[in-house]
């Protein structure tokens, strides 16, 4: 059960166990568009209402369905939804939401991101802040200004509960990970690496560049929705 598709559509839609499909895509921009399109379709499509979970990653979207669901039928519907989204992307720009083209900006696919804006207060006291300023040829004040100037979007979850990869980072602040990871990054550390921004929800080893500290609890098993930052959520950082 696989099929290629031209343009921004899926590279493949493949069976992933007894009750899931994996939609493999070209890059993160296509993942974001596909994720948005499928979430929007699930609100009104009777067959896609059988989807129980949808998990985007860097180059794929996992679609988990109710056990016993006809996976071939769901795969066909997924392809149809993404083909429609691809045609919409190729349509003239009249009426298109700004920023809906393939990009790492905060908007995607002309579909409003789910959830309300999350504002994260940050104390910019990170151990890598001065080094980042030096690497980018900016002042510390300008680094902070650029980091707080944009609205980010949660692209996908990370390697631990509550960790979210945020896209929308100012290109000036795109820097590689540290050559030597730290043995311990504290909970609440606000960080950047490559084209992503993030906040560490718990203490863990890590190699991202640390800009500051955020006291907001990102993951709590006692909340109805344990993770504060879920795919599609818009996020802003605010200097304290």
Protein backbone atom coordinates (compact mmCIF):
# COMPACT_ATOMS: atom_id res chain seq x y z
CA UNK A 1 0.00 0.00 0.00
CA UNK A 2 2.13 2.84 -1.27
CA UNK A 3 1.91 5.43 -3.94
CA UNK A 4 4.02 8.35 -5.07
CA UNK A 5 2.62 11.76 -5.89
CA UNK A 6 4.14 14.77 -7.60
CA UNK A 7 4.60 18.20 -6.14
CA UNK A 8 3.88 18.87 -2.48
CA UNK A 9 1.88 15.66 -2.02
CA UNK A 10 3.10 12.63 -0.09
CA UNK A 11 6.12 10.70 -1.27
CA UNK A 12 4.42 7.55 0.05
CA UNK A 13 1.47 6.49 2.16
CA UNK A 14 2.40 3.16 3.73
CA UNK A 15 0.83 0.77 6.20
CA UNK A 16 2.40 1.13 9.65
CA UNK A 17 1.25 -1.83 11.69
CA UNK A 18 -2.31 -3.08 11.98
CA UNK A 19 -4.01 0.26 12.65
CA UNK A 20 -1.85 3.07 11.31
CA UNK A 21 -0.51 4.73 8.18
CA UNK A 22 2.73 6.61 7.71
CA UNK A 23 2.63 9.53 5.28
CA UNK A 24 6.21 10.16 4.14
CA UNK A 25 6.87 13.67 2.80
CA UNK A 26 9.70 15.61 1.23
CA UNK A 27 10.46 18.05 4.05
CA UNK A 28 9.13 19.86 7.09
CA UNK A 29 7.21 22.47 5.08
CA UNK A 30 5.25 19.69 3.36
CA UNK A 31 4.72 17.94 6.69
CA UNK A 32 3.17 21.09 8.15
CA UNK A 33 0.84 21.54 5.18
CA UNK A 34 -0.18 17.87 5.23
CA UNK A 35 -0.72 17.89 8.99
CA UNK A 36 -2.92 21.00 8.76
CA UNK A 37 -4.92 19.64 5.82
CA UNK A 38 -5.59 16.30 7.51
CA UNK A 39 -6.60 17.90 10.81
CA UNK A 40 -9.02 20.18 8.97
CA UNK A 41 -10.49 17.24 7.01
CA UNK A 42 -11.02 15.19 10.17
CA UNK A 43 -13.51 17.78 11.42
CA UNK A 44 -16.04 16.99 8.68
CA UNK A 45 -14.99 13.74 6.94
CA UNK A 46 -16.83 10.66 8.21
CA UNK A 47 -14.03 8.24 7.30
CA UNK A 48 -11.22 10.40 8.68
CA UNK A 49 -13.23 10.83 11.88
CA UNK A 50 -12.01 7.28 12.60
CA UNK A 51 -8.48 8.67 13.01
CA UNK A 52 -7.64 8.48 16.72
CA UNK A 53 -4.25 10.16 16.66
CA UNK A 54 -2.08 12.12 14.26
CA UNK A 55 1.63 12.67 14.95
CA UNK A 56 3.78 14.88 12.70
CA UNK A 57 7.56 14.50 12.59
CA UNK A 58 10.32 16.08 10.53
CA UNK A 59 9.49 14.24 7.29
CA UNK A 60 6.34 12.23 8.01
CA UNK A 61 2.90 12.20 9.59
CA UNK A 62 1.73 9.11 11.48
CA UNK A 63 -2.02 8.54 11.21
CA UNK A 64 -3.39 6.05 13.75
CA UNK A 65 -6.95 4.82 13.23
CA UNK A 66 -9.53 2.92 15.25
CA UNK A 67 -8.76 -0.83 15.23
CA UNK A 68 -10.67 -2.64 12.50
CA UNK A 69 -10.82 0.38 10.19
CA UNK A 70 -10.24 -0.29 6.48
CA UNK A 71 -6.70 1.06 6.07
CA UNK A 72 -6.88 1.00 2.27
CA UNK A 73 -9.93 3.24 2.33
CA UNK A 74 -8.28 5.63 4.78
CA UNK A 75 -5.09 5.70 2.70
CA UNK A 76 -7.10 6.59 -0.40
CA UNK A 77 -8.88 9.38 1.47
CA UNK A 78 -5.59 10.71 2.85
CA UNK A 79 -4.16 10.87 -0.67
CA UNK A 80 -7.28 12.67 -1.90
CA UNK A 81 -7.14 15.25 0.91
CA UNK A 82 -3.47 15.97 0.29
CA UNK A 83 -3.99 16.14 -3.48
CA UNK A 84 -6.71 18.75 -2.88
CA UNK A 85 -4.36 20.67 -0.58
CA UNK A 86 -1.64 20.52 -3.23
CA UNK A 87 -4.00 21.93 -5.86
CA UNK A 88 -5.00 24.71 -3.47
CA UNK A 89 -1.33 25.57 -2.95
CA UNK A 90 -0.89 25.80 -6.72
CA UNK A 91 -3.93 28.08 -7.14
CA UNK A 92 -3.56 31.87 -7.64
CA UNK A 93 -2.64 33.81 -4.51
CA UNK A 94 -5.93 35.75 -4.29
CA UNK A 95 -7.34 35.37 -0.80
CA UNK A 96 -4.45 33.27 0.44
CA UNK A 97 -3.50 33.76 4.06
CA UNK A 98 -0.10 35.51 4.21
CA UNK A 99 2.65 33.07 5.02
CA UNK A 100 0.73 30.01 3.87
CA UNK A 101 3.33 28.99 1.31
CA UNK A 102 5.87 26.31 2.12
CA UNK A 103 8.13 27.87 4.68
CA UNK A 104 9.22 27.70 8.28
CA UNK A 105 7.19 30.82 9.09
CA UNK A 106 4.38 30.81 11.62
CA UNK A 107 1.48 30.28 9.19
CA UNK A 108 0.92 27.19 7.06
CA UNK A 109 -1.48 25.81 4.46
CA UNK A 110 -4.02 28.59 4.97
CA UNK A 111 -5.45 26.63 7.93
CA UNK A 112 -5.59 28.43 11.25
CA UNK A 113 -3.36 26.69 13.81
CA UNK A 114 -5.27 24.88 16.55
CA UNK A 115 -5.30 26.31 20.05
CA UNK A 116 -4.81 29.77 21.45
CA UNK A 117 -1.54 31.65 21.35
CA UNK A 118 0.81 30.55 24.15
CA UNK A 119 3.03 33.33 25.51
CA UNK A 120 6.12 32.10 27.35
CA UNK A 121 7.85 34.61 29.67
CA UNK A 122 11.63 34.26 29.49
CA UNK A 123 14.49 35.53 31.62
CA UNK A 124 17.32 35.94 29.12
CA UNK A 125 20.20 34.78 31.29
CA UNK A 126 21.35 31.70 29.37
CA UNK A 127 24.98 30.56 29.36
CA UNK A 128 25.15 30.62 25.54
CA UNK A 129 23.53 34.02 24.97
CA UNK A 130 26.78 35.96 24.66
CA UNK A 131 28.33 33.28 22.44
CA UNK A 132 25.28 33.31 20.17
CA UNK A 133 25.60 37.08 19.85
CA UNK A 134 29.23 36.65 18.86
CA UNK A 135 28.47 33.87 16.37
CA UNK A 136 25.80 35.95 14.66
CA UNK A 137 27.65 39.27 14.79
CA UNK A 138 24.85 40.87 16.81
CA UNK A 139 24.58 42.36 20.26
CA UNK A 140 22.95 40.42 23.08
CA UNK A 141 20.10 42.94 23.01
CA UNK A 142 19.50 42.32 19.30
CA UNK A 143 19.54 38.54 19.77
CA UNK A 144 16.85 38.88 22.44
CA UNK A 145 14.86 41.28 20.26
CA UNK A 146 14.97 38.91 17.29
CA UNK A 147 14.07 35.90 19.43
CA UNK A 148 10.99 37.67 20.83
CA UNK A 149 9.89 39.43 17.63
CA UNK A 150 8.20 36.52 15.86
CA UNK A 151 5.32 34.11 16.41
CA UNK A 152 6.51 30.51 16.30
CA UNK A 153 4.50 27.40 15.46
CA UNK A 154 4.88 23.97 17.04
CA UNK A 155 5.96 21.75 14.15
CA UNK A 156 6.18 18.42 15.99
CA UNK A 157 6.98 16.84 19.32
CA UNK A 158 10.48 15.93 20.38
CA UNK A 159 12.47 13.32 22.20
CA UNK A 160 10.74 13.65 25.59
CA UNK A 161 7.19 14.41 26.80
CA UNK A 162 6.41 18.09 26.37
CA UNK A 163 9.39 18.92 24.15
CA UNK A 164 8.23 20.78 21.04
CA UNK A 165 10.19 21.81 17.96
CA UNK A 166 9.20 25.40 17.13
CA UNK A 167 9.58 26.82 13.63
CA UNK A 168 9.69 30.48 12.69
CA UNK A 169 13.09 31.31 14.18
CA UNK A 170 14.75 34.38 12.68
CA UNK A 171 17.33 33.10 10.14
CA UNK A 172 19.98 35.28 11.78
CA UNK A 173 19.71 33.03 14.84
CA UNK A 174 20.18 29.77 12.94
CA UNK A 175 23.27 28.28 14.57
CA UNK A 176 24.42 24.66 14.90
CA UNK A 177 24.19 22.64 18.08
CA UNK A 178 27.10 22.72 20.48
CA UNK A 179 30.01 20.50 19.48
CA UNK A 180 29.91 18.94 22.97
CA UNK A 181 26.47 18.44 24.53
CA UNK A 182 25.95 19.32 28.16
CA UNK A 183 25.45 16.45 30.58
CA UNK A 184 22.52 18.31 32.11
CA UNK A 185 20.27 21.02 30.70
CA UNK A 186 17.87 22.33 33.37
CA UNK A 187 14.09 22.24 33.04
CA UNK A 188 12.77 25.45 31.50
CA UNK A 189 15.90 26.17 29.46
CA UNK A 190 15.01 28.21 26.36
CA UNK A 191 17.17 27.10 23.46
CA UNK A 192 17.88 27.27 19.74
CA UNK A 193 19.61 24.87 17.36
CA UNK A 194 19.78 25.00 13.58
CA UNK A 195 16.39 26.42 12.45
CA UNK A 196 14.44 25.42 15.56
CA UNK A 197 13.62 26.99 18.91
CA UNK A 198 12.50 25.03 21.96
CA UNK A 199 12.05 24.94 25.72
CA UNK A 200 13.30 21.93 27.68
CA UNK A 201 10.33 20.65 29.75
CA UNK A 202 12.55 18.67 32.14
CA UNK A 203 16.21 18.30 32.99
CA UNK A 204 18.09 16.18 30.45
CA UNK A 205 21.38 16.03 28.55
CA UNK A 206 21.31 18.30 25.50
CA UNK A 207 23.34 20.14 22.91
CA UNK A 208 21.15 23.14 22.04
CA UNK A 209 22.30 26.72 22.66
CA UNK A 210 20.73 28.05 25.87
CA UNK A 211 19.41 31.62 25.77
CA UNK A 212 17.37 31.87 28.94
CA UNK A 213 14.93 30.35 31.39
CA UNK A 214 11.15 29.91 31.33
CA UNK A 215 9.18 28.98 34.46
CA UNK A 216 6.06 27.80 32.59
CA UNK A 217 5.24 24.11 33.13
CA UNK A 218 5.19 22.51 29.69
CA UNK A 219 4.13 18.99 30.64
CA UNK A 220 1.88 17.91 33.51
CA UNK A 221 0.27 14.46 33.58
CA UNK A 222 -2.51 15.81 35.81
CA UNK A 223 -3.81 18.24 33.17
CA UNK A 224 -6.55 17.22 30.73
CA UNK A 225 -4.04 17.95 27.96
CA UNK A 226 -0.65 17.11 29.55
CA UNK A 227 1.45 18.86 26.88
CA UNK A 228 1.04 22.63 26.71
CA UNK A 229 2.62 22.83 23.24
CA UNK A 230 0.99 20.58 20.64
CA UNK A 231 1.47 20.58 16.84
CA UNK A 232 0.07 23.74 15.28
CA UNK A 233 0.06 25.79 18.49
CA UNK A 234 1.29 29.38 17.98
CA UNK A 235 3.93 30.47 20.51
CA UNK A 236 5.62 33.74 21.41
CA UNK A 237 8.48 34.45 23.78
CA UNK A 238 8.29 37.52 26.00
CA UNK A 239 11.31 38.99 27.78
CA UNK A 240 10.80 39.47 31.51
